[in-house]
Amino acid sequence: MSNNLTRYLPNGNFKPVNLGLPASTTVPMITNTAITTPTSETAGALKKWIAYLLAIVVCIFIILIFVHYTITPIFQLHPGGSGYIPVPGFDDGTLYWQTTTTSVIQNSKSAISSLYQNYSFTIDVFITDPMQFSQVPRILFYRSLNPLSSPTSTNSAQTLTSILPQYNVAVALTPDTNDLIVSVLNSDNNMENILLSNVPVQTPFRLGVVLMERALEVYVNGNLMKTRAFTSPPMAVLGNMYPPSGENETVAKVRNLHIWPRILSPSEIRAATPALPTAASFEAPPPRTGKSCNQ
């Protein structure tokens, strides 16, 4: 008995769909998520935070300025000065004689052209040959209306005024020792001297001087050595500044004359720039022994 499947179908014209073919399936599409840059809203928020930060910094700076000028110094405007935050580039001093070749500084071109008091300076000194004795003080630096003159006599020891009739300040070795004199001529034409005993020889040292209306301070390598009160203010001498000359050039050399048109504090003297040079940088000749400057 044969089976005729078509007889069970509604009519003979029925045709199965996709007969012998796999059923179709729907495959889900995978889409790529694009990596996007911050939107304008995010950028705007970032700008606001930067603006807030800058505003806070400006407010703090204004508060510090107010405290600095009304309560206590905050910014250290000068090397070694008062304050807690160093501010570079505010040194109001003027530096001369940075090499061993020194020349006269004309008063009209100096940082203290109108000052004969209330100013400060440091100068680096290298005594090459203290045995070059003399009958007069051996002047290493001075500010005067006129350059050195010849001693009034060669038969006895002379004072500074015998070779410098009018001066503002002078630095000299005594005639026959390595003691250093720092002298100011007062308005009564009297010398106001500070004597430093046994200063270094063949070793560079920094001499600091603060010349005030009624007092003189002298430092060596940043340390206050002596203070002298004046009986009368300094004489109003506005002269040129001179380095060692003549025979005194063989006695000592000077460098780095640093001048400020104001009174420096001890901490500012200690922090004075530049660094103290080495002995070799002075290019000094070997010392002679036992010879007098007048021989």
C-alpha atoms as a PDB file:
ATOM      1  CA  MET A   1       0.000   0.000   0.000  1.00  0.00           C
ATOM      2  CA  SER A   2       1.502   3.250  -1.070  1.00  0.00           C
ATOM      3  CA  ASN A   3       1.156   6.497   0.783  1.00  0.00           C
ATOM      4  CA  ASN A   4       0.208   9.557  -1.225  1.00  0.00           C
ATOM      5  CA  LEU A   5       0.913  12.556   0.908  1.00  0.00           C
ATOM      6  CA  THR A   6      -0.623  14.966  -1.535  1.00  0.00           C
ATOM      7  CA  ARG A   7      -4.045  13.750  -0.739  1.00  0.00           C
ATOM      8  CA  TYR A   8      -3.813  15.181   2.699  1.00  0.00           C
ATOM      9  CA  LEU A   9      -2.972  18.637   1.375  1.00  0.00           C
ATOM     10  CA  PRO A  10      -5.726  21.186   0.665  1.00  0.00           C
ATOM     11  CA  ASN A  11      -5.158  21.070  -3.073  1.00  0.00           C
ATOM     12  CA  GLY A  12      -2.532  19.947  -5.476  1.00  0.00           C
ATOM     13  CA  ASN A  13      -1.264  23.457  -6.147  1.00  0.00           C
ATOM     14  CA  PHE A  14       0.343  23.911  -2.660  1.00  0.00           C
ATOM     15  CA  LYS A  15       4.075  24.383  -2.747  1.00  0.00           C
ATOM     16  CA  PRO A  16       6.111  24.374   0.476  1.00  0.00           C
ATOM     17  CA  VAL A  17       8.191  27.457   1.016  1.00  0.00           C
ATOM     18  CA  ASN A  18      11.946  27.100   1.424  1.00  0.00           C
ATOM     19  CA  LEU A  19      11.682  23.441   1.083  1.00  0.00           C
ATOM     20  CA  GLY A  20      15.108  21.946   1.640  1.00  0.00           C
ATOM     21  CA  LEU A  21      16.611  25.286   2.615  1.00  0.00           C
ATOM     22  CA  PRO A  22      17.688  26.328   6.117  1.00  0.00           C
ATOM     23  CA  ALA A  23      15.414  28.631   7.985  1.00  0.00           C
ATOM     24  CA  SER A  24      16.483  32.274   7.846  1.00  0.00           C
ATOM     25  CA  THR A  25      17.810  33.878  11.047  1.00  0.00           C
ATOM     26  CA  THR A  26      18.164  37.493  12.033  1.00  0.00           C
ATOM     27  CA  VAL A  27      21.789  38.411  12.979  1.00  0.00           C
ATOM     28  CA  PRO A  28      22.006  41.372  15.415  1.00  0.00           C
ATOM     29  CA  MET A  29      24.065  44.267  14.098  1.00  0.00           C
ATOM     30  CA  ILE A  30      27.099  45.280  16.185  1.00  0.00           C
ATOM     31  CA  THR A  31      27.640  49.005  16.130  1.00  0.00           C
ATOM     32  CA  ASN A  32      30.901  50.799  17.188  1.00  0.00           C
ATOM     33  CA  THR A  33      30.635  53.270  20.039  1.00  0.00           C
ATOM     34  CA  ALA A  34      32.407  56.425  18.912  1.00  0.00           C
ATOM     35  CA  ILE A  35      35.045  57.987  21.253  1.00  0.00           C
ATOM     36  CA  THR A  36      33.997  61.597  21.563  1.00  0.00           C
ATOM     37  CA  THR A  37      35.879  64.687  22.813  1.00  0.00           C
ATOM     38  CA  PRO A  38      34.574  66.651  25.829  1.00  0.00           C
ATOM     39  CA  THR A  39      31.450  68.471  25.014  1.00  0.00           C
ATOM     40  CA  SER A  40      31.191  72.246  25.219  1.00  0.00           C
ATOM     41  CA  GLU A  41      29.511  71.778  28.596  1.00  0.00           C
ATOM     42  CA  THR A  42      32.553  69.899  30.004  1.00  0.00           C
ATOM     43  CA  ALA A  43      34.980  72.472  28.581  1.00  0.00           C
ATOM     44  CA  GLY A  44      32.946  75.262  30.124  1.00  0.00           C
ATOM     45  CA  ALA A  45      33.083  73.604  33.554  1.00  0.00           C
ATOM     46  CA  LEU A  46      36.866  73.214  33.268  1.00  0.00           C
ATOM     47  CA  LYS A  47      37.271  76.891  32.425  1.00  0.00           C
ATOM     48  CA  LYS A  48      35.211  77.816  35.458  1.00  0.00           C
ATOM     49  CA  TRP A  49      37.428  75.756  37.768  1.00  0.00           C
ATOM     50  CA  ILE A  50      40.559  77.395  36.306  1.00  0.00           C
ATOM     51  CA  ALA A  51      39.014  80.823  36.781  1.00  0.00           C
ATOM     52  CA  TYR A  52      38.152  79.975  40.426  1.00  0.00           C
ATOM     53  CA  LEU A  53      41.728  78.798  41.034  1.00  0.00           C
ATOM     54  CA  LEU A  54      43.218  81.968  39.541  1.00  0.00           C
ATOM     55  CA  ALA A  55      40.868  84.099  41.606  1.00  0.00           C
ATOM     56  CA  ILE A  56      41.977  82.308  44.795  1.00  0.00           C
ATOM     57  CA  VAL A  57      45.661  82.817  43.895  1.00  0.00           C
ATOM     58  CA  VAL A  58      45.103  86.519  43.206  1.00  0.00           C
ATOM     59  CA  CYS A  59      43.237  86.951  46.511  1.00  0.00           C
ATOM     60  CA  ILE A  60      46.063  85.232  48.446  1.00  0.00           C
ATOM     61  CA  PHE A  61      48.643  87.419  46.682  1.00  0.00           C
ATOM     62  CA  ILE A  62      46.722  90.597  47.552  1.00  0.00           C
ATOM     63  CA  ILE A  63      46.460  89.501  51.191  1.00  0.00           C
ATOM     64  CA  LEU A  64      50.218  88.800  51.303  1.00  0.00           C
ATOM     65  CA  ILE A  65      50.952  92.236  49.800  1.00  0.00           C
ATOM     66  CA  PHE A  66      48.743  93.866  52.421  1.00  0.00           C
ATOM     67  CA  VAL A  67      50.426  91.962  55.258  1.00  0.00           C
ATOM     68  CA  HIS A  68      53.897  92.734  53.795  1.00  0.00           C
ATOM     69  CA  TYR A  69      53.397  96.498  53.826  1.00  0.00           C
ATOM     70  CA  THR A  70      51.252  96.858  56.944  1.00  0.00           C
ATOM     71  CA  ILE A  71      52.134  94.125  59.448  1.00  0.00           C
ATOM     72  CA  THR A  72      55.349  92.195  58.744  1.00  0.00           C
ATOM     73  CA  PRO A  73      57.567  91.687  55.668  1.00  0.00           C
ATOM     74  CA  ILE A  74      56.592  88.625  53.658  1.00  0.00           C
ATOM     75  CA  PHE A  75      58.619  89.075  50.462  1.00  0.00           C
ATOM     76  CA  GLN A  76      62.425  89.226  50.657  1.00  0.00           C
ATOM     77  CA  LEU A  77      63.104  91.975  48.128  1.00  0.00           C
ATOM     78  CA  HIS A  78      66.874  92.106  48.728  1.00  0.00           C
ATOM     79  CA  PRO A  79      69.365  89.268  49.319  1.00  0.00           C
ATOM     80  CA  GLY A  80      69.552  88.734  53.063  1.00  0.00           C
ATOM     81  CA  GLY A  81      66.788  91.249  53.725  1.00  0.00           C
ATOM     82  CA  SER A  82      63.716  90.769  55.892  1.00  0.00           C
ATOM     83  CA  GLY A  83      60.932  88.541  54.601  1.00  0.00           C
ATOM     84  CA  TYR A  84      60.255  84.848  53.985  1.00  0.00           C
ATOM     85  CA  ILE A  85      59.757  84.543  50.210  1.00  0.00           C
ATOM     86  CA  PRO A  86      62.876  85.527  48.216  1.00  0.00           C
ATOM     87  CA  VAL A  87      62.129  87.641  45.143  1.00  0.00           C
ATOM     88  CA  PRO A  88      65.023  87.521  42.649  1.00  0.00           C
ATOM     89  CA  GLY A  89      66.121  90.506  40.611  1.00  0.00           C
ATOM     90  CA  PHE A  90      65.513  93.163  43.267  1.00  0.00           C
ATOM     91  CA  ASP A  91      69.111  93.860  44.368  1.00  0.00           C
ATOM     92  CA  ASP A  92      69.418  97.662  44.336  1.00  0.00           C
ATOM     93  CA  GLY A  93      73.210  97.633  44.630  1.00  0.00           C
ATOM     94  CA  THR A  94      75.669  98.498  41.861  1.00  0.00           C
ATOM     95  CA  LEU A  95      78.753  96.368  41.222  1.00  0.00           C
ATOM     96  CA  TYR A  96      82.094  97.805  40.045  1.00  0.00           C
ATOM     97  CA  TRP A  97      85.611  96.416  39.560  1.00  0.00           C
ATOM     98  CA  GLN A  98      84.652  92.849  38.719  1.00  0.00           C
ATOM     99  CA  THR A  99      88.110  92.211  37.272  1.00  0.00           C
ATOM    100  CA  THR A 100      91.603  92.853  38.569  1.00  0.00           C
ATOM    101  CA  THR A 101      91.873  95.842  36.231  1.00  0.00           C
ATOM    102  CA  THR A 102      90.388  98.737  38.147  1.00  0.00           C
ATOM    103  CA  SER A 103      89.974 102.353  37.214  1.00  0.00           C
ATOM    104  CA  VAL A 104      88.747 105.496  38.918  1.00  0.00           C
ATOM    105  CA  ILE A 105      84.953 105.650  39.371  1.00  0.00           C
ATOM    106  CA  GLN A 106      83.763 109.136  38.583  1.00  0.00           C
ATOM    107  CA  ASN A 107      81.360 110.412  41.220  1.00  0.00           C
ATOM    108  CA  SER A 108      78.866 111.526  38.580  1.00  0.00           C
ATOM    109  CA  LYS A 109      78.606 107.899  37.391  1.00  0.00           C
ATOM    110  CA  SER A 110      78.476 106.237  40.807  1.00  0.00           C
ATOM    111  CA  ALA A 111      75.445 104.873  42.630  1.00  0.00           C
ATOM    112  CA  ILE A 112      75.987 107.370  45.488  1.00  0.00           C
ATOM    113  CA  SER A 113      76.768 110.518  43.517  1.00  0.00           C
ATOM    114  CA  SER A 114      74.614 112.651  45.834  1.00  0.00           C
ATOM    115  CA  LEU A 115      75.309 110.788  49.098  1.00  0.00           C
ATOM    116  CA  TYR A 116      78.129 111.325  51.554  1.00  0.00           C
ATOM    117  CA  GLN A 117      76.396 109.365  54.334  1.00  0.00           C
ATOM    118  CA  ASN A 118      73.655 106.742  54.762  1.00  0.00           C
ATOM    119  CA  TYR A 119      75.097 104.329  52.225  1.00  0.00           C
ATOM    120  CA  SER A 120      76.846 100.926  52.313  1.00  0.00           C
ATOM    121  CA  PHE A 121      79.489  99.085  50.359  1.00  0.00           C
ATOM    122  CA  THR A 122      81.465  95.858  50.305  1.00  0.00           C
ATOM    123  CA  ILE A 123      84.846  95.362  48.667  1.00  0.00           C
ATOM    124  CA  ASP A 124      86.998  92.247  48.261  1.00  0.00           C
ATOM    125  CA  VAL A 125      90.603  92.734  49.369  1.00  0.00           C
ATOM    126  CA  PHE A 126      93.667  90.579  48.739  1.00  0.00           C
ATOM    127  CA  ILE A 127      96.813  91.722  50.563  1.00  0.00           C
ATOM    128  CA  THR A 128      99.649  90.354  48.457  1.00  0.00           C
ATOM    129  CA  ASP A 129     102.672  91.810  50.232  1.00  0.00           C
ATOM    130  CA  PRO A 130     102.250  93.393  53.674  1.00  0.00           C
ATOM    131  CA  MET A 131     106.033  93.734  53.948  1.00  0.00           C
ATOM    132  CA  GLN A 132     106.020  96.733  51.627  1.00  0.00           C
ATOM    133  CA  PHE A 133     106.334  99.132  54.552  1.00  0.00           C
ATOM    134  CA  SER A 134     105.966 102.878  54.368  1.00  0.00           C
ATOM    135  CA  GLN A 135     105.962 106.016  56.488  1.00  0.00           C
ATOM    136  CA  VAL A 136     102.366 106.791  55.600  1.00  0.00           C
ATOM    137  CA  PRO A 137      99.216 104.667  55.628  1.00  0.00           C
ATOM    138  CA  ARG A 138      99.092 102.423  52.570  1.00  0.00           C
ATOM    139  CA  ILE A 139      95.754 103.345  51.062  1.00  0.00           C
ATOM    140  CA  LEU A 140      93.800 100.570  49.355  1.00  0.00           C
ATOM    141  CA  PHE A 141      90.554 102.400  48.601  1.00  0.00           C
ATOM    142  CA  TYR A 142      89.288 105.928  49.089  1.00  0.00           C
ATOM    143  CA  ARG A 143      86.658 108.446  48.055  1.00  0.00           C
ATOM    144  CA  SER A 144      88.055 111.934  47.756  1.00  0.00           C
ATOM    145  CA  LEU A 145      87.829 115.217  45.888  1.00  0.00           C
ATOM    146  CA  ASN A 146      91.445 114.788  44.760  1.00  0.00           C
ATOM    147  CA  PRO A 147      93.802 111.845  44.236  1.00  0.00           C
ATOM    148  CA  LEU A 148      96.606 111.053  46.652  1.00  0.00           C
ATOM    149  CA  SER A 149      99.266 113.687  47.161  1.00  0.00           C
ATOM    150  CA  SER A 150     102.863 113.249  48.248  1.00  0.00           C
ATOM    151  CA  PRO A 151     103.491 113.132  52.014  1.00  0.00           C
ATOM    152  CA  THR A 152     104.257 116.496  53.591  1.00  0.00           C
ATOM    153  CA  SER A 153     107.360 114.985  55.149  1.00  0.00           C
ATOM    154  CA  THR A 154     109.394 111.799  54.755  1.00  0.00           C
ATOM    155  CA  ASN A 155     111.085 112.002  58.120  1.00  0.00           C
ATOM    156  CA  SER A 156     108.231 110.896  60.357  1.00  0.00           C
ATOM    157  CA  ALA A 157     105.046 108.863  60.191  1.00  0.00           C
ATOM    158  CA  GLN A 158     102.151 110.649  58.553  1.00  0.00           C
ATOM    159  CA  THR A 159      98.381 110.448  58.972  1.00  0.00           C
ATOM    160  CA  LEU A 160      95.743 110.018  56.293  1.00  0.00           C
ATOM    161  CA  THR A 161      95.054 113.730  56.167  1.00  0.00           C
ATOM    162  CA  SER A 162      98.663 114.411  55.190  1.00  0.00           C
ATOM    163  CA  ILE A 163      98.046 112.693  51.853  1.00  0.00           C
ATOM    164  CA  LEU A 164      94.257 113.069  51.648  1.00  0.00           C
ATOM    165  CA  PRO A 165      93.298 116.594  52.724  1.00  0.00           C
ATOM    166  CA  GLN A 166      89.585 115.991  52.094  1.00  0.00           C
ATOM    167  CA  TYR A 167      87.992 112.571  51.853  1.00  0.00           C
ATOM    168  CA  ASN A 168      84.700 110.884  52.568  1.00  0.00           C
ATOM    169  CA  VAL A 169      85.971 107.407  53.427  1.00  0.00           C
ATOM    170  CA  ALA A 170      89.367 105.707  53.195  1.00  0.00           C
ATOM    171  CA  VAL A 171      90.632 102.145  53.714  1.00  0.00           C
ATOM    172  CA  ALA A 172      94.335 101.690  54.408  1.00  0.00           C
ATOM    173  CA  LEU A 173      96.917  99.448  55.999  1.00  0.00           C
ATOM    174  CA  THR A 174      98.936 101.049  58.768  1.00  0.00           C
ATOM    175  CA  PRO A 175     102.501 101.997  57.691  1.00  0.00           C
ATOM    176  CA  ASP A 176     104.288  98.985  59.194  1.00  0.00           C
ATOM    177  CA  THR A 177     101.731  96.323  60.184  1.00  0.00           C
ATOM    178  CA  ASN A 178      98.859  94.401  58.609  1.00  0.00           C
ATOM    179  CA  ASP A 179      96.329  96.300  60.719  1.00  0.00           C
ATOM    180  CA  LEU A 180      93.575  97.894  58.642  1.00  0.00           C
ATOM    181  CA  ILE A 181      92.174 101.400  59.129  1.00  0.00           C
ATOM    182  CA  VAL A 182      88.694 102.387  57.976  1.00  0.00           C
ATOM    183  CA  SER A 183      88.440 106.157  58.311  1.00  0.00           C
ATOM    184  CA  VAL A 184      85.785 108.823  57.818  1.00  0.00           C
ATOM    185  CA  LEU A 185      86.479 112.557  57.901  1.00  0.00           C
ATOM    186  CA  ASN A 186      83.802 114.366  59.909  1.00  0.00           C
ATOM    187  CA  SER A 187      82.472 117.888  59.472  1.00  0.00           C
ATOM    188  CA  ASP A 188      84.880 119.142  62.161  1.00  0.00           C
ATOM    189  CA  ASN A 189      87.766 117.952  59.983  1.00  0.00           C
ATOM    190  CA  ASN A 190      88.606 115.178  62.458  1.00  0.00           C
ATOM    191  CA  MET A 191      89.211 111.550  61.550  1.00  0.00           C
ATOM    192  CA  GLU A 192      86.754 108.926  62.795  1.00  0.00           C
ATOM    193  CA  ASN A 193      88.791 105.707  62.615  1.00  0.00           C
ATOM    194  CA  ILE A 194      88.101 102.019  63.149  1.00  0.00           C
ATOM    195  CA  LEU A 195      91.209  99.849  63.468  1.00  0.00           C
ATOM    196  CA  LEU A 196      91.038  96.143  62.587  1.00  0.00           C
ATOM    197  CA  SER A 197      94.036  94.274  63.932  1.00  0.00           C
ATOM    198  CA  ASN A 198      95.844  91.598  61.961  1.00  0.00           C
ATOM    199  CA  VAL A 199      93.594  91.268  58.915  1.00  0.00           C
ATOM    200  CA  PRO A 200      94.164  88.241  56.623  1.00  0.00           C
ATOM    201  CA  VAL A 201      97.254  88.261  54.408  1.00  0.00           C
ATOM    202  CA  GLN A 202      97.437  86.465  51.029  1.00  0.00           C
ATOM    203  CA  THR A 203      93.894  85.317  51.642  1.00  0.00           C
ATOM    204  CA  PRO A 204      90.916  87.175  50.118  1.00  0.00           C
ATOM    205  CA  PHE A 205      88.494  88.756  52.550  1.00  0.00           C
ATOM    206  CA  ARG A 206      85.402  90.887  52.139  1.00  0.00           C
ATOM    207  CA  LEU A 207      85.299  94.247  53.853  1.00  0.00           C
ATOM    208  CA  GLY A 208      81.867  95.712  54.515  1.00  0.00           C
ATOM    209  CA  VAL A 209      81.262  99.337  55.489  1.00  0.00           C
ATOM    210  CA  VAL A 210      78.017 101.039  56.505  1.00  0.00           C
ATOM    211  CA  LEU A 211      78.406 104.813  56.716  1.00  0.00           C
ATOM    212  CA  MET A 212      75.607 106.509  58.638  1.00  0.00           C
ATOM    213  CA  GLU A 213      75.006 110.057  59.776  1.00  0.00           C
ATOM    214  CA  ARG A 214      76.262 109.417  63.295  1.00  0.00           C
ATOM    215  CA  ALA A 215      77.984 106.032  63.180  1.00  0.00           C
ATOM    216  CA  LEU A 216      80.258 103.730  61.213  1.00  0.00           C
ATOM    217  CA  GLU A 217      80.012  99.925  61.028  1.00  0.00           C
ATOM    218  CA  VAL A 218      82.778  97.695  59.681  1.00  0.00           C
ATOM    219  CA  TYR A 219      82.395  94.018  58.743  1.00  0.00           C
ATOM    220  CA  VAL A 220      84.853  91.317  57.688  1.00  0.00           C
ATOM    221  CA  ASN A 221      83.420  88.370  55.750  1.00  0.00           C
ATOM    222  CA  GLY A 222      79.922  89.266  56.892  1.00  0.00           C
ATOM    223  CA  ASN A 223      80.779  89.512  60.588  1.00  0.00           C
ATOM    224  CA  LEU A 224      80.403  92.834  62.380  1.00  0.00           C
ATOM    225  CA  MET A 225      83.817  93.726  63.785  1.00  0.00           C
ATOM    226  CA  LYS A 226      83.388  97.207  65.239  1.00  0.00           C
ATOM    227  CA  THR A 227      80.990 100.149  65.430  1.00  0.00           C
ATOM    228  CA  ARG A 228      82.041 103.739  66.020  1.00  0.00           C
ATOM    229  CA  ALA A 229      79.764 106.642  66.954  1.00  0.00           C
ATOM    230  CA  PHE A 230      80.556 110.058  65.456  1.00  0.00           C
ATOM    231  CA  THR A 231      80.938 113.290  67.390  1.00  0.00           C
ATOM    232  CA  SER A 232      79.704 115.091  64.270  1.00  0.00           C
ATOM    233  CA  PRO A 233      78.384 113.904  60.890  1.00  0.00           C
ATOM    234  CA  PRO A 234      80.668 113.117  57.953  1.00  0.00           C
ATOM    235  CA  MET A 235      82.076 115.962  55.920  1.00  0.00           C
ATOM    236  CA  ALA A 236      80.021 116.610  52.782  1.00  0.00           C
ATOM    237  CA  VAL A 237      82.629 115.254  50.360  1.00  0.00           C
ATOM    238  CA  LEU A 238      81.243 113.945  47.068  1.00  0.00           C
ATOM    239  CA  GLY A 239      84.359 112.653  45.355  1.00  0.00           C
ATOM    240  CA  ASN A 240      85.550 109.985  42.969  1.00  0.00           C
ATOM    241  CA  MET A 241      86.426 106.473  44.162  1.00  0.00           C
ATOM    242  CA  TYR A 242      89.998 105.257  43.726  1.00  0.00           C
ATOM    243  CA  PRO A 243      91.640 101.797  43.869  1.00  0.00           C
ATOM    244  CA  PRO A 244      95.240 101.257  45.047  1.00  0.00           C
ATOM    245  CA  SER A 245      97.791 103.191  43.020  1.00  0.00           C
ATOM    246  CA  GLY A 246     101.554 103.513  42.782  1.00  0.00           C
ATOM    247  CA  GLU A 247     103.485 101.401  45.289  1.00  0.00           C
ATOM    248  CA  ASN A 248     100.234 100.430  46.971  1.00  0.00           C
ATOM    249  CA  GLU A 249      99.334  98.304  43.937  1.00  0.00           C
ATOM    250  CA  THR A 250     102.077  95.885  45.003  1.00  0.00           C
ATOM    251  CA  VAL A 251     100.711  95.805  48.551  1.00  0.00           C
ATOM    252  CA  ALA A 252      97.132  94.762  47.795  1.00  0.00           C
ATOM    253  CA  LYS A 253      94.512  94.315  45.104  1.00  0.00           C
ATOM    254  CA  VAL A 254      90.789  94.996  45.283  1.00  0.00           C
ATOM    255  CA  ARG A 255      87.786  93.667  43.402  1.00  0.00           C
ATOM    256  CA  ASN A 256      83.977  93.607  43.446  1.00  0.00           C
ATOM    257  CA  LEU A 257      83.151  97.027  44.857  1.00  0.00           C
ATOM    258  CA  HIS A 258      79.413  96.692  45.565  1.00  0.00           C
ATOM    259  CA  ILE A 259      77.631  99.906  46.571  1.00  0.00           C
ATOM    260  CA  TRP A 260      74.094 100.459  47.886  1.00  0.00           C
ATOM    261  CA  PRO A 261      72.507 103.912  48.289  1.00  0.00           C
ATOM    262  CA  ARG A 262      71.029 102.956  51.660  1.00  0.00           C
ATOM    263  CA  ILE A 263      71.916 101.472  55.060  1.00  0.00           C
ATOM    264  CA  LEU A 264      72.194  97.683  54.879  1.00  0.00           C
ATOM    265  CA  SER A 265      71.259  95.341  57.713  1.00  0.00           C
ATOM    266  CA  PRO A 266      73.807  92.794  59.015  1.00  0.00           C
ATOM    267  CA  SER A 267      71.968  89.962  57.248  1.00  0.00           C
ATOM    268  CA  GLU A 268      72.167  91.850  53.943  1.00  0.00           C
ATOM    269  CA  ILE A 269      75.900  92.403  54.399  1.00  0.00           C
ATOM    270  CA  ARG A 270      76.317  88.647  54.980  1.00  0.00           C
ATOM    271  CA  ALA A 271      74.296  87.793  51.871  1.00  0.00           C
ATOM    272  CA  ALA A 272      76.058  90.316  49.611  1.00  0.00           C
ATOM    273  CA  THR A 273      76.956  89.079  46.143  1.00  0.00           C
ATOM    274  CA  PRO A 274      78.954  88.001  44.217  1.00  0.00           C
ATOM    275  CA  ALA A 275      80.780  85.149  45.934  1.00  0.00           C
ATOM    276  CA  LEU A 276      84.177  85.920  47.410  1.00  0.00           C
ATOM    277  CA  PRO A 277      86.786  85.223  44.685  1.00  0.00           C
ATOM    278  CA  THR A 278      89.684  82.842  45.136  1.00  0.00           C
ATOM    279  CA  ALA A 279      93.267  83.948  45.678  1.00  0.00           C
ATOM    280  CA  ALA A 280      94.259  82.743  42.218  1.00  0.00           C
ATOM    281  CA  SER A 281      91.668  84.961  40.546  1.00  0.00           C
ATOM    282  CA  PHE A 282      93.473  88.083  41.793  1.00  0.00           C
ATOM    283  CA  GLU A 283      96.491  87.173  39.630  1.00  0.00           C
ATOM    284  CA  ALA A 284      98.809  88.689  42.200  1.00  0.00           C
ATOM    285  CA  PRO A 285     102.604  88.517  41.813  1.00  0.00           C
ATOM    286  CA  PRO A 286     104.619  86.631  44.448  1.00  0.00           C
ATOM    287  CA  PRO A 287     105.311  88.744  47.547  1.00  0.00           C
ATOM    288  CA  ARG A 288     108.596  90.439  48.172  1.00  0.00           C
ATOM    289  CA  THR A 289     109.961  90.368  51.709  1.00  0.00           C
ATOM    290  CA  GLY A 290     111.585  92.968  53.896  1.00  0.00           C
ATOM    291  CA  LYS A 291     111.415  95.817  51.392  1.00  0.00           C
ATOM    292  CA  SER A 292     110.109  99.265  52.153  1.00  0.00           C
ATOM    293  CA  CYS A 293     107.758 101.096  49.826  1.00  0.00           C
ATOM    294  CA  ASN A 294     110.140 104.039  49.959  1.00  0.00           C
ATOM    295  CA  GLN A 295     113.183 102.045  48.864  1.00  0.00           C
END
